[in-house]
Amino acid sequence: VVSFNFTFASGTIADDTKIEAIVQTSSTSTTTNPIFKCVNSYPGNTAGTATNLVSGSCSGIFNLVTGDTIRPSVFQNLGTSKSLSTDKTLTSFSVFGL
């Protein structure tokens, strides 16, 4: 099981935007799903924009073998560039076996 959690520093969030968290593996095995995508959306509001922390997560079950790699990534269109929160407790990446 692979779990990826993140939080961006507080900033503006434009109307009708989204973040997409992705966890993918380099595995070429036919017994595993190579990618998991998780989407959070932010519909419009009466103010036009909002300011807040934005966070997301994505988890998936992979059948990994020795040498496989896992890579998390985030794509966003929130209206401005984003950086991860400086609070290190708000971002994590975990890999554990079942």
N, C-alpha and C. Protein backbone atom coordinates (compact mmCIF):
# COMPACT_ATOMS: atom_id res chain seq x y z
N VAL A 1 0.85 -1.17 0.00
CA VAL A 1 0.00 0.00 0.00
C VAL A 1 0.89 1.23 0.00
N VAL A 2 0.57 2.17 -0.85
CA VAL A 2 1.30 3.43 -0.93
C VAL A 2 0.31 4.55 -0.65
N SER A 3 0.71 5.48 0.21
CA SER A 3 -0.15 6.61 0.56
C SER A 3 0.65 7.90 0.47
N PHE A 4 0.09 8.90 -0.17
CA PHE A 4 0.73 10.20 -0.39
C PHE A 4 -0.24 11.28 0.08
N ASN A 5 0.17 12.11 1.03
CA ASN A 5 -0.65 13.21 1.55
C ASN A 5 0.14 14.50 1.44
N PHE A 6 -0.52 15.58 1.09
CA PHE A 6 0.19 16.86 0.95
C PHE A 6 -0.74 18.02 1.30
N THR A 7 -0.13 19.14 1.65
CA THR A 7 -0.86 20.38 1.90
C THR A 7 -0.05 21.53 1.32
N PHE A 8 -0.70 22.35 0.51
CA PHE A 8 -0.05 23.55 -0.01
C PHE A 8 -0.12 24.66 1.03
N ALA A 9 0.82 25.59 0.96
CA ALA A 9 0.78 26.77 1.81
C ALA A 9 -0.50 27.55 1.50
N SER A 10 -0.99 28.29 2.47
CA SER A 10 -2.22 29.05 2.29
C SER A 10 -2.07 30.03 1.13
N GLY A 11 -3.12 30.11 0.33
CA GLY A 11 -3.11 31.01 -0.82
C GLY A 11 -4.48 31.06 -1.45
N THR A 12 -4.58 31.78 -2.55
CA THR A 12 -5.87 31.93 -3.21
C THR A 12 -6.24 30.66 -3.97
N ILE A 13 -7.54 30.44 -4.05
CA ILE A 13 -8.10 29.31 -4.79
C ILE A 13 -9.13 29.89 -5.75
N ALA A 14 -8.86 29.83 -7.02
CA ALA A 14 -9.79 30.38 -8.01
C ALA A 14 -11.02 29.47 -8.16
N ASP A 15 -12.09 30.04 -8.68
CA ASP A 15 -13.31 29.28 -8.94
C ASP A 15 -13.07 28.16 -9.94
N ASP A 16 -13.82 27.07 -9.77
CA ASP A 16 -13.85 25.96 -10.72
C ASP A 16 -12.45 25.42 -11.05
N THR A 17 -11.70 25.10 -10.01
CA THR A 17 -10.34 24.58 -10.18
C THR A 17 -10.22 23.20 -9.55
N LYS A 18 -9.04 22.57 -9.72
CA LYS A 18 -8.86 21.23 -9.18
C LYS A 18 -7.40 20.97 -8.87
N ILE A 19 -7.18 19.94 -8.05
CA ILE A 19 -5.85 19.37 -7.87
C ILE A 19 -5.96 17.88 -8.18
N GLU A 20 -4.91 17.36 -8.75
CA GLU A 20 -4.88 15.93 -9.08
C GLU A 20 -3.61 15.35 -8.46
N ALA A 21 -3.78 14.45 -7.50
CA ALA A 21 -2.66 13.75 -6.88
C ALA A 21 -2.49 12.42 -7.59
N ILE A 22 -1.24 12.08 -7.89
CA ILE A 22 -0.96 10.86 -8.63
C ILE A 22 0.13 10.07 -7.92
N VAL A 23 -0.09 8.77 -7.82
CA VAL A 23 0.95 7.85 -7.35
C VAL A 23 1.13 6.82 -8.46
N GLN A 24 2.36 6.69 -8.95
CA GLN A 24 2.60 5.74 -10.03
C GLN A 24 3.87 4.95 -9.79
N THR A 25 3.93 3.79 -10.43
CA THR A 25 5.08 2.90 -10.27
C THR A 25 5.77 2.68 -11.61
N SER A 26 7.03 2.33 -11.52
CA SER A 26 7.80 1.99 -12.73
C SER A 26 7.58 0.53 -13.12
N SER A 27 6.82 -0.21 -12.33
CA SER A 27 6.64 -1.64 -12.55
C SER A 27 6.03 -1.93 -13.92
N THR A 28 6.56 -2.95 -14.56
CA THR A 28 5.99 -3.41 -15.83
C THR A 28 5.18 -4.69 -15.63
N SER A 29 4.95 -5.06 -14.39
CA SER A 29 4.19 -6.26 -14.06
C SER A 29 2.75 -6.14 -14.56
N THR A 30 2.22 -7.22 -15.06
CA THR A 30 0.83 -7.24 -15.51
C THR A 30 -0.12 -7.50 -14.33
N THR A 31 0.43 -7.71 -13.12
CA THR A 31 -0.40 -7.99 -11.95
C THR A 31 -0.60 -6.77 -11.07
N THR A 32 -0.21 -5.59 -11.54
CA THR A 32 -0.41 -4.39 -10.74
C THR A 32 -0.95 -3.26 -11.59
N ASN A 33 -1.70 -2.38 -10.98
CA ASN A 33 -2.15 -1.16 -11.63
C ASN A 33 -0.99 -0.17 -11.55
N PRO A 34 -0.50 0.36 -12.66
CA PRO A 34 0.70 1.20 -12.61
C PRO A 34 0.47 2.62 -12.11
N ILE A 35 -0.79 3.07 -12.02
CA ILE A 35 -1.03 4.46 -11.63
C ILE A 35 -2.37 4.59 -10.91
N PHE A 36 -2.38 5.43 -9.88
CA PHE A 36 -3.62 5.80 -9.18
C PHE A 36 -3.72 7.32 -9.22
N LYS A 37 -4.89 7.84 -9.61
CA LYS A 37 -5.12 9.28 -9.68
C LYS A 37 -6.28 9.62 -8.76
N CYS A 38 -6.12 10.70 -8.02
CA CYS A 38 -7.15 11.16 -7.08
C CYS A 38 -7.36 12.66 -7.31
N VAL A 39 -8.61 13.09 -7.44
CA VAL A 39 -8.91 14.47 -7.79
C VAL A 39 -9.75 15.14 -6.71
N ASN A 40 -9.39 16.38 -6.38
CA ASN A 40 -10.20 17.25 -5.51
C ASN A 40 -10.59 18.46 -6.35
N SER A 41 -11.85 18.84 -6.31
CA SER A 41 -12.29 20.00 -7.10
C SER A 41 -12.81 21.10 -6.18
N TYR A 42 -12.71 22.31 -6.69
CA TYR A 42 -13.13 23.51 -5.94
C TYR A 42 -14.08 24.31 -6.83
N PRO A 43 -15.40 24.08 -6.68
CA PRO A 43 -16.37 24.79 -7.52
C PRO A 43 -16.41 26.28 -7.16
N GLY A 44 -17.10 27.02 -7.98
CA GLY A 44 -17.19 28.47 -7.78
C GLY A 44 -17.86 28.85 -6.48
N ASN A 45 -17.56 30.07 -6.03
CA ASN A 45 -18.24 30.63 -4.86
C ASN A 45 -18.63 32.07 -5.17
N THR A 46 -19.40 32.66 -4.33
CA THR A 46 -19.91 34.01 -4.61
C THR A 46 -18.83 35.07 -4.56
N ALA A 47 -17.73 34.83 -3.87
CA ALA A 47 -16.66 35.82 -3.78
C ALA A 47 -15.75 35.80 -5.01
N GLY A 48 -15.78 34.73 -5.79
CA GLY A 48 -14.91 34.62 -6.97
C GLY A 48 -13.62 33.89 -6.68
N THR A 49 -13.02 34.15 -5.53
CA THR A 49 -11.84 33.39 -5.10
C THR A 49 -11.92 33.21 -3.60
N ALA A 50 -11.18 32.25 -3.11
CA ALA A 50 -11.10 32.02 -1.67
C ALA A 50 -9.63 31.92 -1.31
N THR A 51 -9.31 32.08 -0.03
CA THR A 51 -7.94 31.92 0.44
C THR A 51 -7.95 30.91 1.57
N ASN A 52 -7.13 29.88 1.41
CA ASN A 52 -7.10 28.83 2.43
C ASN A 52 -5.96 27.86 2.12
N LEU A 53 -5.72 26.93 3.04
CA LEU A 53 -4.85 25.80 2.77
C LEU A 53 -5.57 24.86 1.80
N VAL A 54 -4.83 24.19 0.95
CA VAL A 54 -5.39 23.19 0.06
C VAL A 54 -4.61 21.91 0.29
N SER A 55 -5.33 20.82 0.53
CA SER A 55 -4.65 19.56 0.76
C SER A 55 -5.30 18.45 -0.06
N GLY A 56 -4.59 17.37 -0.18
CA GLY A 56 -5.10 16.23 -0.91
C GLY A 56 -4.34 14.98 -0.53
N SER A 57 -4.83 13.87 -1.02
CA SER A 57 -4.15 12.60 -0.76
C SER A 57 -4.49 11.61 -1.86
N CYS A 58 -3.66 10.59 -1.95
CA CYS A 58 -3.92 9.52 -2.90
C CYS A 58 -3.26 8.26 -2.37
N SER A 59 -3.98 7.16 -2.42
CA SER A 59 -3.47 5.87 -1.96
C SER A 59 -3.78 4.81 -2.99
N GLY A 60 -2.92 3.80 -3.04
CA GLY A 60 -3.16 2.70 -3.96
C GLY A 60 -2.44 1.45 -3.50
N ILE A 61 -2.91 0.32 -3.99
CA ILE A 61 -2.28 -0.96 -3.70
C ILE A 61 -1.53 -1.41 -4.95
N PHE A 62 -0.23 -1.62 -4.79
CA PHE A 62 0.64 -2.04 -5.88
C PHE A 62 1.25 -3.39 -5.55
N ASN A 63 1.44 -4.24 -6.54
CA ASN A 63 2.20 -5.48 -6.40
C ASN A 63 3.62 -5.18 -6.87
N LEU A 64 4.48 -4.76 -5.96
CA LEU A 64 5.83 -4.34 -6.30
C LEU A 64 6.81 -5.50 -6.21
N VAL A 65 7.86 -5.42 -7.01
CA VAL A 65 8.97 -6.36 -6.92
C VAL A 65 10.25 -5.56 -6.73
N THR A 66 11.31 -6.24 -6.33
CA THR A 66 12.59 -5.57 -6.10
C THR A 66 12.99 -4.76 -7.32
N GLY A 67 13.36 -3.50 -7.10
CA GLY A 67 13.78 -2.62 -8.17
C GLY A 67 12.70 -1.68 -8.68
N ASP A 68 11.43 -1.96 -8.37
CA ASP A 68 10.35 -1.05 -8.78
C ASP A 68 10.48 0.25 -7.99
N THR A 69 10.08 1.34 -8.59
CA THR A 69 10.07 2.63 -7.91
C THR A 69 8.65 3.18 -7.87
N ILE A 70 8.41 4.06 -6.92
CA ILE A 70 7.11 4.74 -6.76
C ILE A 70 7.38 6.24 -6.84
N ARG A 71 6.51 6.96 -7.55
CA ARG A 71 6.68 8.40 -7.67
C ARG A 71 5.35 9.12 -7.44
N PRO A 72 5.29 10.01 -6.44
CA PRO A 72 4.10 10.83 -6.26
C PRO A 72 4.24 12.13 -7.05
N SER A 73 3.13 12.69 -7.48
CA SER A 73 3.15 14.00 -8.14
C SER A 73 1.81 14.68 -7.94
N VAL A 74 1.80 15.99 -8.13
CA VAL A 74 0.58 16.80 -7.99
C VAL A 74 0.50 17.77 -9.16
N PHE A 75 -0.66 17.82 -9.78
CA PHE A 75 -0.95 18.82 -10.81
C PHE A 75 -2.10 19.67 -10.28
N GLN A 76 -2.02 20.99 -10.51
CA GLN A 76 -3.07 21.88 -10.00
C GLN A 76 -3.29 23.02 -10.99
N ASN A 77 -4.53 23.53 -10.96
CA ASN A 77 -4.86 24.73 -11.74
C ASN A 77 -5.63 25.70 -10.85
N LEU A 78 -5.13 25.92 -9.64
CA LEU A 78 -5.82 26.74 -8.64
C LEU A 78 -5.75 28.23 -8.91
N GLY A 79 -5.04 28.63 -9.94
CA GLY A 79 -5.00 30.04 -10.31
C GLY A 79 -3.68 30.72 -10.02
N THR A 80 -2.87 30.18 -9.12
CA THR A 80 -1.54 30.72 -8.83
C THR A 80 -0.60 29.55 -8.56
N SER A 81 0.69 29.83 -8.63
CA SER A 81 1.65 28.76 -8.31
C SER A 81 1.55 28.43 -6.83
N LYS A 82 1.86 27.21 -6.49
CA LYS A 82 1.72 26.73 -5.11
C LYS A 82 3.02 26.07 -4.67
N SER A 83 3.28 26.14 -3.38
CA SER A 83 4.39 25.40 -2.78
C SER A 83 3.84 24.65 -1.58
N LEU A 84 4.54 23.59 -1.20
CA LEU A 84 4.09 22.81 -0.05
C LEU A 84 4.19 23.64 1.23
N SER A 85 3.31 23.36 2.16
CA SER A 85 3.33 24.02 3.46
C SER A 85 4.67 23.77 4.13
N THR A 86 5.14 24.75 4.88
CA THR A 86 6.39 24.58 5.63
C THR A 86 6.20 23.70 6.85
N ASP A 87 4.95 23.39 7.20
CA ASP A 87 4.67 22.47 8.30
C ASP A 87 4.87 21.05 7.79
N LYS A 88 5.99 20.45 8.13
CA LYS A 88 6.35 19.13 7.60
C LYS A 88 5.39 18.03 8.01
N THR A 89 4.56 18.24 9.04
CA THR A 89 3.60 17.23 9.46
C THR A 89 2.42 17.12 8.50
N LEU A 90 2.29 18.06 7.56
CA LEU A 90 1.16 18.07 6.66
C LEU A 90 1.44 17.38 5.31
N THR A 91 2.66 16.89 5.13
CA THR A 91 3.01 16.19 3.91
C THR A 91 3.69 14.88 4.28
N SER A 92 3.22 13.77 3.69
CA SER A 92 3.82 12.47 4.00
C SER A 92 3.73 11.54 2.80
N PHE A 93 4.62 10.56 2.80
CA PHE A 93 4.67 9.54 1.77
C PHE A 93 4.98 8.23 2.49
N SER A 94 4.08 7.26 2.41
CA SER A 94 4.25 6.01 3.14
C SER A 94 4.12 4.82 2.22
N VAL A 95 4.97 3.82 2.45
CA VAL A 95 4.90 2.56 1.72
C VAL A 95 4.94 1.45 2.77
N PHE A 96 3.96 0.56 2.75
CA PHE A 96 3.97 -0.54 3.69
C PHE A 96 3.35 -1.77 3.05
N GLY A 97 3.79 -2.94 3.51
CA GLY A 97 3.35 -4.20 2.93
C GLY A 97 2.12 -4.75 3.66
N LEU A 98 1.37 -5.53 2.93
CA LEU A 98 0.20 -6.19 3.51
C LEU A 98 0.54 -7.63 3.83
